[in-house]
């Protein structure tokens, strides 16, 4: 699994989460970036726990 694929997955998941949740202190772009960051961290943690080493930090 490559880094670009993870970013695409995180972006799509973040869009769905962003649509379902509203953080009143952030605008839509900030919410999207926040959710993408959190989802990327979770995906990285999950993949590393499965035994694959992948760093998704830009």
PDB file of N, CA and C in Angstrom:
ATOM      1  N   UNK A   1       0.851  -1.174   0.000  1.00  0.00           N
ATOM      2  CA  UNK A   1       0.000   0.000   0.000  1.00  0.00           C
ATOM      3  C   UNK A   1       0.892   1.232   0.000  1.00  0.00           C
ATOM      4  N   UNK A   2       0.661   2.134  -0.928  1.00  0.00           N
ATOM      5  CA  UNK A   2       1.527   3.304  -0.984  1.00  0.00           C
ATOM      6  C   UNK A   2       0.921   4.508  -0.273  1.00  0.00           C
ATOM      7  N   UNK A   3       1.760   5.486  -0.065  1.00  0.00           N
ATOM      8  CA  UNK A   3       1.382   6.676   0.697  1.00  0.00           C
ATOM      9  C   UNK A   3       0.266   7.461   0.013  1.00  0.00           C
ATOM     10  N   UNK A   4       0.318   7.548  -1.309  1.00  0.00           N
ATOM     11  CA  UNK A   4      -0.693   8.290  -2.057  1.00  0.00           C
ATOM     12  C   UNK A   4      -2.070   7.656  -1.884  1.00  0.00           C
ATOM     13  N   UNK A   5      -2.117   6.335  -1.871  1.00  0.00           N
ATOM     14  CA  UNK A   5      -3.385   5.637  -1.691  1.00  0.00           C
ATOM     15  C   UNK A   5      -3.982   5.938  -0.313  1.00  0.00           C
ATOM     16  N   UNK A   6      -3.125   5.986   0.707  1.00  0.00           N
ATOM     17  CA  UNK A   6      -3.601   6.306   2.054  1.00  0.00           C
ATOM     18  C   UNK A   6      -4.162   7.719   2.121  1.00  0.00           C
ATOM     19  N   UNK A   7      -3.499   8.651   1.453  1.00  0.00           N
ATOM     20  CA  UNK A   7      -3.991  10.027   1.446  1.00  0.00           C
ATOM     21  C   UNK A   7      -5.361  10.103   0.767  1.00  0.00           C
ATOM     22  N   UNK A   8      -5.550   9.351  -0.304  1.00  0.00           N
ATOM     23  CA  UNK A   8      -6.837   9.333  -0.994  1.00  0.00           C
ATOM     24  C   UNK A   8      -7.932   8.741  -0.110  1.00  0.00           C
ATOM     25  N   UNK A   9      -7.617   7.650   0.578  1.00  0.00           N
ATOM     26  CA  UNK A   9      -8.572   7.024   1.486  1.00  0.00           C
ATOM     27  C   UNK A   9      -8.921   7.988   2.616  1.00  0.00           C
ATOM     28  N   UNK A  10      -7.901   8.619   3.189  1.00  0.00           N
ATOM     29  CA  UNK A  10      -8.122   9.560   4.287  1.00  0.00           C
ATOM     30  C   UNK A  10      -8.977  10.737   3.830  1.00  0.00           C
ATOM     31  N   UNK A  11      -8.733  11.226   2.632  1.00  0.00           N
ATOM     32  CA  UNK A  11      -9.509  12.356   2.115  1.00  0.00           C
ATOM     33  C   UNK A  11     -10.982  11.984   1.967  1.00  0.00           C
ATOM     34  N   UNK A  12     -11.251  10.815   1.408  1.00  0.00           N
ATOM     35  CA  UNK A  12     -12.638  10.376   1.228  1.00  0.00           C
ATOM     36  C   UNK A  12     -13.335  10.146   2.571  1.00  0.00           C
ATOM     37  N   UNK A  13     -12.644   9.494   3.501  1.00  0.00           N
ATOM     38  CA  UNK A  13     -13.225   9.278   4.826  1.00  0.00           C
ATOM     39  C   UNK A  13     -13.459  10.604   5.539  1.00  0.00           C
ATOM     40  N   UNK A  14     -12.520  11.524   5.417  1.00  0.00           N
ATOM     41  CA  UNK A  14     -12.651  12.832   6.057  1.00  0.00           C
ATOM     42  C   UNK A  14     -13.845  13.597   5.502  1.00  0.00           C
ATOM     43  N   UNK A  15     -14.099  13.481   4.205  1.00  0.00           N
ATOM     44  CA  UNK A  15     -15.264  14.141   3.613  1.00  0.00           C
ATOM     45  C   UNK A  15     -16.549  13.620   4.237  1.00  0.00           C
ATOM     46  N   UNK A  16     -16.611  12.306   4.439  1.00  0.00           N
ATOM     47  CA  UNK A  16     -17.805  11.711   5.029  1.00  0.00           C
ATOM     48  C   UNK A  16     -17.959  12.141   6.493  1.00  0.00           C
ATOM     49  N   UNK A  17     -16.869  12.150   7.231  1.00  0.00           N
ATOM     50  CA  UNK A  17     -16.915  12.572   8.634  1.00  0.00           C
ATOM     51  C   UNK A  17     -17.273  14.055   8.710  1.00  0.00           C
ATOM     52  N   UNK A  18     -16.676  14.858   7.857  1.00  0.00           N
ATOM     53  CA  UNK A  18     -16.924  16.296   7.836  1.00  0.00           C
ATOM     54  C   UNK A  18     -18.389  16.588   7.535  1.00  0.00           C
ATOM     55  N   UNK A  19     -18.974  15.772   6.674  1.00  0.00           N
ATOM     56  CA  UNK A  19     -20.380  15.955   6.332  1.00  0.00           C
ATOM     57  C   UNK A  19     -21.278  15.613   7.522  1.00  0.00           C
ATOM     58  N   UNK A  20     -20.862  14.622   8.318  1.00  0.00           N
ATOM     59  CA  UNK A  20     -21.671  14.161   9.448  1.00  0.00           C
ATOM     60  C   UNK A  20     -21.491  15.013  10.703  1.00  0.00           C
ATOM     61  N   UNK A  21     -20.319  15.604  10.870  1.00  0.00           N
ATOM     62  CA  UNK A  21     -20.013  16.369  12.076  1.00  0.00           C
ATOM     63  C   UNK A  21     -19.730  17.820  11.731  1.00  0.00           C
ATOM     64  N   UNK A  22     -20.055  18.689  12.663  1.00  0.00           N
ATOM     65  CA  UNK A  22     -19.740  20.101  12.482  1.00  0.00           C
ATOM     66  C   UNK A  22     -18.995  20.594  13.718  1.00  0.00           C
ATOM     67  N   UNK A  23     -17.807  21.113  13.508  1.00  0.00           N
ATOM     68  CA  UNK A  23     -17.037  21.717  14.583  1.00  0.00           C
ATOM     69  C   UNK A  23     -17.222  23.228  14.461  1.00  0.00           C
ATOM     70  N   UNK A  24     -17.983  23.833  15.356  1.00  0.00           N
ATOM     71  CA  UNK A  24     -18.363  25.241  15.180  1.00  0.00           C
ATOM     72  C   UNK A  24     -17.205  26.233  15.210  1.00  0.00           C
ATOM     73  N   UNK A  25     -16.080  25.859  15.780  1.00  0.00           N
ATOM     74  CA  UNK A  25     -14.967  26.815  15.854  1.00  0.00           C
ATOM     75  C   UNK A  25     -14.091  26.815  14.601  1.00  0.00           C
ATOM     76  N   UNK A  26     -14.350  25.887  13.674  1.00  0.00           N
ATOM     77  CA  UNK A  26     -13.544  25.773  12.451  1.00  0.00           C
ATOM     78  C   UNK A  26     -14.416  25.978  11.223  1.00  0.00           C
ATOM     79  N   UNK A  27     -13.809  26.522  10.151  1.00  0.00           N
ATOM     80  CA  UNK A  27     -14.544  26.589   8.891  1.00  0.00           C
ATOM     81  C   UNK A  27     -14.412  25.239   8.174  1.00  0.00           C
ATOM     82  N   UNK A  28     -15.102  25.086   7.058  1.00  0.00           N
ATOM     83  CA  UNK A  28     -15.148  23.782   6.375  1.00  0.00           C
ATOM     84  C   UNK A  28     -13.771  23.278   5.942  1.00  0.00           C
ATOM     85  N   UNK A  29     -12.913  24.167   5.430  1.00  0.00           N
ATOM     86  CA  UNK A  29     -11.584  23.747   4.998  1.00  0.00           C
ATOM     87  C   UNK A  29     -10.742  23.293   6.180  1.00  0.00           C
ATOM     88  N   UNK A  30     -10.864  24.007   7.295  1.00  0.00           N
ATOM     89  CA  UNK A  30     -10.116  23.620   8.491  1.00  0.00           C
ATOM     90  C   UNK A  30     -10.623  22.296   9.052  1.00  0.00           C
ATOM     91  N   UNK A  31     -11.945  22.103   9.040  1.00  0.00           N
ATOM     92  CA  UNK A  31     -12.506  20.829   9.485  1.00  0.00           C
ATOM     93  C   UNK A  31     -11.981  19.689   8.623  1.00  0.00           C
ATOM     94  N   UNK A  32     -12.002  19.891   7.307  1.00  0.00           N
ATOM     95  CA  UNK A  32     -11.536  18.852   6.381  1.00  0.00           C
ATOM     96  C   UNK A  32     -10.080  18.502   6.665  1.00  0.00           C
ATOM     97  N   UNK A  33      -9.237  19.498   6.824  1.00  0.00           N
ATOM     98  CA  UNK A  33      -7.816  19.255   7.101  1.00  0.00           C
ATOM     99  C   UNK A  33      -7.639  18.534   8.436  1.00  0.00           C
ATOM    100  N   UNK A  34      -8.400  18.932   9.439  1.00  0.00           N
ATOM    101  CA  UNK A  34      -8.316  18.286  10.755  1.00  0.00           C
ATOM    102  C   UNK A  34      -8.704  16.813  10.668  1.00  0.00           C
ATOM    103  N   UNK A  35      -9.844  16.533  10.032  1.00  0.00           N
ATOM    104  CA  UNK A  35     -10.299  15.148   9.930  1.00  0.00           C
ATOM    105  C   UNK A  35      -9.335  14.309   9.095  1.00  0.00           C
ATOM    106  N   UNK A  36      -8.778  14.867   8.029  1.00  0.00           N
ATOM    107  CA  UNK A  36      -7.793  14.132   7.228  1.00  0.00           C
ATOM    108  C   UNK A  36      -6.570  13.779   8.056  1.00  0.00           C
ATOM    109  N   UNK A  37      -6.091  14.725   8.864  1.00  0.00           N
ATOM    110  CA  UNK A  37      -4.921  14.478   9.695  1.00  0.00           C
ATOM    111  C   UNK A  37      -5.198  13.349  10.696  1.00  0.00           C
ATOM    112  N   UNK A  38      -6.337  13.425  11.362  1.00  0.00           N
ATOM    113  CA  UNK A  38      -6.683  12.406  12.353  1.00  0.00           C
ATOM    114  C   UNK A  38      -6.826  11.037  11.691  1.00  0.00           C
ATOM    115  N   UNK A  39      -7.496  10.988  10.553  1.00  0.00           N
ATOM    116  CA  UNK A  39      -7.704   9.715   9.867  1.00  0.00           C
ATOM    117  C   UNK A  39      -6.381   9.155   9.352  1.00  0.00           C
ATOM    118  N   UNK A  40      -5.499  10.010   8.830  1.00  0.00           N
ATOM    119  CA  UNK A  40      -4.179   9.536   8.395  1.00  0.00           C
ATOM    120  C   UNK A  40      -3.388   8.942   9.557  1.00  0.00           C
ATOM    121  N   UNK A  41      -3.439   9.593  10.709  1.00  0.00           N
ATOM    122  CA  UNK A  41      -2.746   9.055  11.890  1.00  0.00           C
ATOM    123  C   UNK A  41      -3.320   7.698  12.290  1.00  0.00           C
ATOM    124  N   UNK A  42      -4.630   7.568  12.268  1.00  0.00           N
ATOM    125  CA  UNK A  42      -5.263   6.298  12.610  1.00  0.00           C
ATOM    126  C   UNK A  42      -4.924   5.195  11.604  1.00  0.00           C
ATOM    127  N   UNK A  43      -4.939   5.542  10.324  1.00  0.00           N
ATOM    128  CA  UNK A  43      -4.583   4.557   9.299  1.00  0.00           C
ATOM    129  C   UNK A  43      -3.132   4.116   9.448  1.00  0.00           C
ATOM    130  N   UNK A  44      -2.240   5.083   9.721  1.00  0.00           N
ATOM    131  CA  UNK A  44      -0.827   4.749   9.910  1.00  0.00           C
ATOM    132  C   UNK A  44      -0.649   3.813  11.104  1.00  0.00           C
ATOM    133  N   UNK A  45      -1.336   4.122  12.195  1.00  0.00           N
ATOM    134  CA  UNK A  45      -1.260   3.278  13.387  1.00  0.00           C
ATOM    135  C   UNK A  45      -1.768   1.873  13.096  1.00  0.00           C
ATOM    136  N   UNK A  46      -2.890   1.770  12.428  1.00  0.00           N
ATOM    137  CA  UNK A  46      -3.467   0.473  12.081  1.00  0.00           C
ATOM    138  C   UNK A  46      -2.535  -0.333  11.181  1.00  0.00           C
ATOM    139  N   UNK A  47      -2.000   0.298  10.157  1.00  0.00           N
ATOM    140  CA  UNK A  47      -1.115  -0.398   9.224  1.00  0.00           C
ATOM    141  C   UNK A  47       0.164  -0.849   9.916  1.00  0.00           C
ATOM    142  N   UNK A  48       0.714   0.006  10.773  1.00  0.00           N
ATOM    143  CA  UNK A  48       1.925  -0.381  11.512  1.00  0.00           C
ATOM    144  C   UNK A  48       1.644  -1.529  12.476  1.00  0.00           C
ATOM    145  N   UNK A  49       0.464  -1.552  13.091  1.00  0.00           N
ATOM    146  CA  UNK A  49       0.103  -2.647  13.991  1.00  0.00           C
ATOM    147  C   UNK A  49      -0.055  -3.961  13.222  1.00  0.00           C
ATOM    148  N   UNK A  50      -0.384  -3.871  11.952  1.00  0.00           N
ATOM    149  CA  UNK A  50      -0.516  -5.064  11.117  1.00  0.00           C
ATOM    150  C   UNK A  50       0.839  -5.575  10.625  1.00  0.00           C
ATOM    151  N   UNK A  51       1.905  -4.868  10.981  1.00  0.00           N
ATOM    152  CA  UNK A  51       3.243  -5.324  10.638  1.00  0.00           C
ATOM    153  C   UNK A  51       3.871  -4.654   9.444  1.00  0.00           C
ATOM    154  N   UNK A  52       3.187  -3.713   8.849  1.00  0.00           N
ATOM    155  CA  UNK A  52       3.753  -2.974   7.723  1.00  0.00           C
ATOM    156  C   UNK A  52       4.271  -1.649   8.241  1.00  0.00           C
ATOM    157  N   UNK A  53       5.443  -1.253   7.818  1.00  0.00           N
ATOM    158  CA  UNK A  53       5.993   0.032   8.250  1.00  0.00           C
ATOM    159  C   UNK A  53       5.770   1.052   7.151  1.00  0.00           C
ATOM    160  N   UNK A  54       4.950   2.040   7.466  1.00  0.00           N
ATOM    161  CA  UNK A  54       4.634   3.074   6.509  1.00  0.00           C
ATOM    162  C   UNK A  54       4.512   4.390   7.245  1.00  0.00           C
ATOM    163  N   UNK A  55       5.275   5.376   6.800  1.00  0.00           N
ATOM    164  CA  UNK A  55       5.222   6.703   7.415  1.00  0.00           C
ATOM    165  C   UNK A  55       4.489   7.626   6.465  1.00  0.00           C
ATOM    166  N   UNK A  56       3.362   8.170   6.902  1.00  0.00           N
ATOM    167  CA  UNK A  56       2.550   9.021   6.028  1.00  0.00           C
ATOM    168  C   UNK A  56       2.758  10.498   6.292  1.00  0.00           C
ATOM    169  N   UNK A  57       3.754  10.840   7.061  1.00  0.00           N
ATOM    170  CA  UNK A  57       4.039  12.261   7.317  1.00  0.00           C
ATOM    171  C   UNK A  57       4.578  12.900   6.055  1.00  0.00           C
ATOM    172  N   UNK A  58       4.090  14.132   5.778  1.00  0.00           N
ATOM    173  CA  UNK A  58       4.539  14.851   4.575  1.00  0.00           C
ATOM    174  C   UNK A  58       5.802  15.571   4.904  1.00  0.00           C
TER     175      UNK A  58
END
